[in-house]
Amino acid sequence: MEQDEGRVRVMSRQERNEYDGVTIEDGNRTEYEQSKSGYGYQGIRIHTLNWQELLSGRGNWLQKALMIAGAAVVLAFLFFVALPVIMVLLGVGVAVWLFLHLFAGR
């Protein structure tokens, strides 16, 4: 046991992720790894999924279902809310225009 205390080895990635204490980093780190640790990098990655990735087969079925559901909600809003409001405003505008031209003599 006393013999093992003097030996130092580099931790594996899994050991490093599970370890809660302070470690001394190996001097053979790449520039990318150094930049990650420089500004409080916590290992959080944000991945965006766009339509090209969705249609090309990337992403799992849950992401695809959420994208399709989101598109359906946007289209339903446009068709059932925005379009009727625009039509009513156009109708009111036409009615005011007709009233001004026919009855007000302008």
N, C-alpha and C. Protein backbone atom coordinates (compact mmCIF):
# COMPACT_ATOMS: atom_id res chain seq x y z
N MET A 1 0.82 -1.18 0.00
CA MET A 1 0.00 0.00 0.00
C MET A 1 0.87 1.25 0.00
N GLU A 2 1.84 1.31 0.86
CA GLU A 2 2.73 2.44 0.94
C GLU A 2 3.51 2.59 -0.36
N GLN A 3 3.75 1.49 -0.99
CA GLN A 3 4.48 1.49 -2.25
C GLN A 3 3.65 2.13 -3.37
N ASP A 4 2.31 1.93 -3.36
CA ASP A 4 1.43 2.47 -4.38
C ASP A 4 1.19 3.97 -4.21
N GLU A 5 1.40 4.50 -3.03
CA GLU A 5 1.12 5.92 -2.78
C GLU A 5 2.05 6.83 -3.56
N GLY A 6 3.25 6.42 -3.82
CA GLY A 6 4.20 7.25 -4.52
C GLY A 6 3.99 7.27 -6.03
N ARG A 7 3.26 6.30 -6.56
CA ARG A 7 3.05 6.23 -8.00
C ARG A 7 1.86 7.10 -8.40
N VAL A 8 2.02 7.76 -9.48
CA VAL A 8 0.96 8.63 -9.99
C VAL A 8 0.58 8.14 -11.37
N ARG A 9 -0.73 8.14 -11.64
CA ARG A 9 -1.20 7.76 -12.98
C ARG A 9 -2.31 8.70 -13.40
N VAL A 10 -2.52 8.75 -14.69
CA VAL A 10 -3.58 9.60 -15.23
C VAL A 10 -4.91 8.88 -15.07
N MET A 11 -5.91 9.62 -14.60
CA MET A 11 -7.23 9.03 -14.42
C MET A 11 -7.90 8.81 -15.76
N SER A 12 -8.70 7.78 -15.83
CA SER A 12 -9.48 7.56 -17.04
C SER A 12 -10.58 8.62 -17.11
N ARG A 13 -11.21 8.74 -18.25
CA ARG A 13 -12.28 9.73 -18.42
C ARG A 13 -13.42 9.46 -17.44
N GLN A 14 -13.78 8.19 -17.25
CA GLN A 14 -14.87 7.85 -16.34
C GLN A 14 -14.50 8.19 -14.90
N GLU A 15 -13.27 7.87 -14.50
CA GLU A 15 -12.83 8.20 -13.15
C GLU A 15 -12.84 9.71 -12.93
N ARG A 16 -12.39 10.47 -13.93
CA ARG A 16 -12.35 11.92 -13.83
C ARG A 16 -13.76 12.49 -13.69
N ASN A 17 -14.72 11.95 -14.44
CA ASN A 17 -16.09 12.46 -14.36
C ASN A 17 -16.75 12.14 -13.03
N GLU A 18 -16.40 11.01 -12.43
CA GLU A 18 -17.03 10.59 -11.18
C GLU A 18 -16.33 11.15 -9.94
N TYR A 19 -15.10 11.62 -10.10
CA TYR A 19 -14.31 12.10 -8.95
C TYR A 19 -14.75 13.50 -8.55
N ASP A 20 -14.98 13.71 -7.24
CA ASP A 20 -15.45 15.00 -6.74
C ASP A 20 -14.32 15.87 -6.18
N GLY A 21 -13.14 15.32 -6.02
CA GLY A 21 -12.04 16.08 -5.41
C GLY A 21 -11.27 16.89 -6.44
N VAL A 22 -10.10 17.36 -6.01
CA VAL A 22 -9.24 18.16 -6.86
C VAL A 22 -8.23 17.24 -7.53
N THR A 23 -8.02 17.43 -8.81
CA THR A 23 -7.05 16.61 -9.53
C THR A 23 -5.98 17.52 -10.15
N ILE A 24 -4.84 16.94 -10.42
CA ILE A 24 -3.78 17.63 -11.14
C ILE A 24 -3.83 17.11 -12.55
N GLU A 25 -4.00 18.02 -13.49
CA GLU A 25 -4.14 17.62 -14.89
C GLU A 25 -2.81 17.19 -15.47
N ASP A 26 -2.87 16.27 -16.40
CA ASP A 26 -1.71 15.79 -17.13
C ASP A 26 -1.20 16.90 -18.04
N GLY A 27 0.09 17.01 -18.20
CA GLY A 27 0.67 18.03 -19.05
C GLY A 27 0.48 17.78 -20.53
N ASN A 28 -0.05 16.64 -20.93
CA ASN A 28 -0.21 16.28 -22.34
C ASN A 28 -1.60 16.58 -22.85
N ARG A 29 -2.23 17.62 -22.35
CA ARG A 29 -3.57 17.96 -22.81
C ARG A 29 -3.50 18.68 -24.14
N THR A 30 -4.54 18.49 -24.92
CA THR A 30 -4.61 19.18 -26.21
C THR A 30 -5.06 20.61 -26.00
N GLU A 31 -4.92 21.43 -27.02
CA GLU A 31 -5.34 22.83 -26.93
C GLU A 31 -6.85 22.92 -26.70
N TYR A 32 -7.62 22.01 -27.30
CA TYR A 32 -9.07 22.00 -27.12
C TYR A 32 -9.43 21.72 -25.66
N GLU A 33 -8.77 20.74 -25.05
CA GLU A 33 -9.05 20.42 -23.65
C GLU A 33 -8.66 21.57 -22.74
N GLN A 34 -7.57 22.27 -23.07
CA GLN A 34 -7.15 23.41 -22.26
C GLN A 34 -8.16 24.54 -22.36
N SER A 35 -8.69 24.76 -23.55
CA SER A 35 -9.66 25.84 -23.71
C SER A 35 -10.97 25.52 -23.00
N LYS A 36 -11.32 24.23 -22.91
CA LYS A 36 -12.55 23.85 -22.21
C LYS A 36 -12.45 24.17 -20.72
N SER A 37 -11.29 23.94 -20.13
CA SER A 37 -11.15 24.15 -18.70
C SER A 37 -10.88 25.61 -18.36
N GLY A 38 -10.59 26.44 -19.35
CA GLY A 38 -10.21 27.82 -19.10
C GLY A 38 -11.32 28.71 -18.62
N TYR A 39 -12.54 28.57 -19.08
CA TYR A 39 -13.61 29.51 -18.75
C TYR A 39 -14.78 28.83 -18.07
N GLY A 40 -14.54 27.95 -17.16
CA GLY A 40 -15.60 27.34 -16.39
C GLY A 40 -16.45 26.37 -17.20
N TYR A 41 -15.85 25.70 -18.15
CA TYR A 41 -16.58 24.73 -18.97
C TYR A 41 -17.09 23.62 -18.07
N GLN A 42 -18.37 23.35 -18.12
CA GLN A 42 -18.97 22.35 -17.25
C GLN A 42 -19.41 21.09 -17.99
N GLY A 43 -19.13 20.99 -19.26
CA GLY A 43 -19.51 19.81 -20.01
C GLY A 43 -20.91 19.88 -20.59
N ILE A 44 -21.50 21.05 -20.62
CA ILE A 44 -22.84 21.19 -21.17
C ILE A 44 -22.72 21.50 -22.65
N ARG A 45 -23.37 20.72 -23.46
CA ARG A 45 -23.36 20.95 -24.90
C ARG A 45 -24.77 21.20 -25.37
N ILE A 46 -24.92 22.18 -26.23
CA ILE A 46 -26.22 22.50 -26.80
C ILE A 46 -26.19 22.08 -28.25
N HIS A 47 -27.11 21.23 -28.63
CA HIS A 47 -27.20 20.77 -30.01
C HIS A 47 -28.51 21.25 -30.59
N THR A 48 -28.43 21.88 -31.73
CA THR A 48 -29.64 22.31 -32.39
C THR A 48 -29.96 21.36 -33.53
N LEU A 49 -31.22 21.13 -33.74
CA LEU A 49 -31.67 20.24 -34.80
C LEU A 49 -32.43 21.08 -35.80
N ASN A 50 -31.96 21.10 -37.04
CA ASN A 50 -32.64 21.91 -38.04
C ASN A 50 -33.42 21.01 -38.99
N TRP A 51 -34.13 21.63 -39.92
CA TRP A 51 -34.98 20.85 -40.84
C TRP A 51 -34.17 19.91 -41.71
N GLN A 52 -32.98 20.34 -42.15
CA GLN A 52 -32.15 19.48 -43.01
C GLN A 52 -31.76 18.21 -42.25
N GLU A 53 -31.35 18.35 -41.00
CA GLU A 53 -31.00 17.18 -40.20
C GLU A 53 -32.22 16.31 -39.95
N LEU A 54 -33.36 16.94 -39.71
CA LEU A 54 -34.58 16.19 -39.45
C LEU A 54 -34.98 15.36 -40.67
N LEU A 55 -34.95 15.98 -41.83
CA LEU A 55 -35.37 15.28 -43.04
C LEU A 55 -34.33 14.29 -43.56
N SER A 56 -33.06 14.48 -43.18
CA SER A 56 -32.02 13.56 -43.65
C SER A 56 -31.92 12.31 -42.79
N GLY A 57 -32.70 12.22 -41.72
CA GLY A 57 -32.70 11.02 -40.91
C GLY A 57 -31.90 11.13 -39.64
N ARG A 58 -31.26 12.27 -39.38
CA ARG A 58 -30.52 12.45 -38.14
C ARG A 58 -31.51 12.71 -37.01
N GLY A 59 -31.05 12.51 -35.79
CA GLY A 59 -31.91 12.76 -34.65
C GLY A 59 -32.77 11.54 -34.34
N ASN A 60 -33.22 11.44 -33.12
CA ASN A 60 -34.04 10.29 -32.74
C ASN A 60 -35.52 10.58 -33.00
N TRP A 61 -36.34 9.60 -32.78
CA TRP A 61 -37.77 9.73 -33.11
C TRP A 61 -38.45 10.77 -32.23
N LEU A 62 -37.98 10.96 -30.99
CA LEU A 62 -38.58 11.96 -30.11
C LEU A 62 -38.33 13.37 -30.64
N GLN A 63 -37.11 13.63 -31.11
CA GLN A 63 -36.81 14.93 -31.68
C GLN A 63 -37.66 15.18 -32.92
N LYS A 64 -37.80 14.16 -33.75
CA LYS A 64 -38.61 14.31 -34.96
C LYS A 64 -40.07 14.58 -34.61
N ALA A 65 -40.60 13.85 -33.64
CA ALA A 65 -41.99 14.04 -33.23
C ALA A 65 -42.20 15.44 -32.65
N LEU A 66 -41.24 15.93 -31.86
CA LEU A 66 -41.36 17.27 -31.29
C LEU A 66 -41.28 18.35 -32.37
N MET A 67 -40.42 18.16 -33.35
CA MET A 67 -40.32 19.13 -34.44
C MET A 67 -41.62 19.16 -35.25
N ILE A 68 -42.17 18.01 -35.54
CA ILE A 68 -43.41 17.94 -36.31
C ILE A 68 -44.57 18.53 -35.51
N ALA A 69 -44.62 18.23 -34.21
CA ALA A 69 -45.68 18.79 -33.36
C ALA A 69 -45.54 20.31 -33.27
N GLY A 70 -44.31 20.81 -33.16
CA GLY A 70 -44.10 22.26 -33.13
C GLY A 70 -44.54 22.93 -34.42
N ALA A 71 -44.21 22.31 -35.55
CA ALA A 71 -44.63 22.87 -36.84
C ALA A 71 -46.16 22.85 -36.95
N ALA A 72 -46.79 21.78 -36.46
CA ALA A 72 -48.25 21.69 -36.52
C ALA A 72 -48.89 22.78 -35.64
N VAL A 73 -48.31 23.05 -34.49
CA VAL A 73 -48.85 24.09 -33.60
C VAL A 73 -48.73 25.47 -34.26
N VAL A 74 -47.58 25.74 -34.89
CA VAL A 74 -47.39 27.03 -35.56
C VAL A 74 -48.38 27.18 -36.71
N LEU A 75 -48.54 26.15 -37.52
CA LEU A 75 -49.48 26.21 -38.63
C LEU A 75 -50.92 26.36 -38.15
N ALA A 76 -51.28 25.65 -37.09
CA ALA A 76 -52.63 25.77 -36.55
C ALA A 76 -52.88 27.18 -36.02
N PHE A 77 -51.88 27.77 -35.35
CA PHE A 77 -52.03 29.14 -34.87
C PHE A 77 -52.23 30.10 -36.03
N LEU A 78 -51.43 29.96 -37.07
CA LEU A 78 -51.57 30.84 -38.22
C LEU A 78 -52.93 30.71 -38.88
N PHE A 79 -53.41 29.46 -39.02
CA PHE A 79 -54.66 29.23 -39.73
C PHE A 79 -55.88 29.61 -38.89
N PHE A 80 -55.89 29.24 -37.60
CA PHE A 80 -57.09 29.44 -36.78
C PHE A 80 -57.10 30.74 -35.99
N VAL A 81 -55.98 31.42 -35.83
CA VAL A 81 -55.95 32.65 -35.04
C VAL A 81 -55.54 33.84 -35.91
N ALA A 82 -54.36 33.77 -36.50
CA ALA A 82 -53.83 34.92 -37.24
C ALA A 82 -54.65 35.22 -38.49
N LEU A 83 -54.98 34.21 -39.26
CA LEU A 83 -55.74 34.43 -40.49
C LEU A 83 -57.13 35.03 -40.22
N PRO A 84 -57.92 34.51 -39.28
CA PRO A 84 -59.22 35.15 -38.99
C PRO A 84 -59.08 36.60 -38.51
N VAL A 85 -58.07 36.89 -37.68
CA VAL A 85 -57.88 38.26 -37.21
C VAL A 85 -57.56 39.17 -38.39
N ILE A 86 -56.70 38.74 -39.29
CA ILE A 86 -56.36 39.54 -40.47
C ILE A 86 -57.59 39.75 -41.34
N MET A 87 -58.39 38.71 -41.51
CA MET A 87 -59.60 38.84 -42.35
C MET A 87 -60.59 39.81 -41.73
N VAL A 88 -60.78 39.77 -40.41
CA VAL A 88 -61.68 40.71 -39.75
C VAL A 88 -61.17 42.13 -39.89
N LEU A 89 -59.88 42.35 -39.71
CA LEU A 89 -59.33 43.69 -39.86
C LEU A 89 -59.48 44.20 -41.29
N LEU A 90 -59.26 43.32 -42.27
CA LEU A 90 -59.48 43.71 -43.66
C LEU A 90 -60.94 44.05 -43.91
N GLY A 91 -61.86 43.26 -43.35
CA GLY A 91 -63.29 43.53 -43.50
C GLY A 91 -63.67 44.87 -42.90
N VAL A 92 -63.15 45.17 -41.72
CA VAL A 92 -63.43 46.45 -41.09
C VAL A 92 -62.86 47.59 -41.93
N GLY A 93 -61.68 47.41 -42.45
CA GLY A 93 -61.06 48.43 -43.30
C GLY A 93 -61.87 48.68 -44.56
N VAL A 94 -62.34 47.61 -45.19
CA VAL A 94 -63.17 47.76 -46.40
C VAL A 94 -64.50 48.44 -46.05
N ALA A 95 -65.10 48.08 -44.93
CA ALA A 95 -66.37 48.70 -44.52
C ALA A 95 -66.19 50.19 -44.25
N VAL A 96 -65.12 50.57 -43.59
CA VAL A 96 -64.86 51.99 -43.32
C VAL A 96 -64.61 52.72 -44.63
N TRP A 97 -63.85 52.12 -45.53
CA TRP A 97 -63.58 52.74 -46.83
C TRP A 97 -64.88 52.93 -47.62
N LEU A 98 -65.74 51.90 -47.65
CA LEU A 98 -67.02 52.02 -48.34
C LEU A 98 -67.89 53.11 -47.71
N PHE A 99 -67.95 53.14 -46.39
CA PHE A 99 -68.76 54.16 -45.72
C PHE A 99 -68.27 55.55 -46.07
N LEU A 100 -66.97 55.74 -46.03
CA LEU A 100 -66.42 57.08 -46.32
C LEU A 100 -66.67 57.47 -47.78
N HIS A 101 -66.56 56.53 -48.70
CA HIS A 101 -66.73 56.87 -50.12
C HIS A 101 -68.19 56.95 -50.55
N LEU A 102 -69.05 56.16 -49.97
CA LEU A 102 -70.44 56.15 -50.41
C LEU A 102 -71.30 57.16 -49.65
N PHE A 103 -71.13 57.23 -48.31
CA PHE A 103 -72.05 58.03 -47.52
C PHE A 103 -71.47 59.37 -47.08
N ALA A 104 -70.19 59.47 -46.97
CA ALA A 104 -69.61 60.73 -46.52
C ALA A 104 -69.26 61.64 -47.67
N GLY A 105 -69.31 61.13 -48.88
CA GLY A 105 -69.09 61.94 -50.07
C GLY A 105 -67.64 62.26 -50.33
N ARG A 106 -66.72 61.51 -49.87
CA ARG A 106 -65.31 61.79 -50.11
C ARG A 106 -64.85 61.20 -51.40
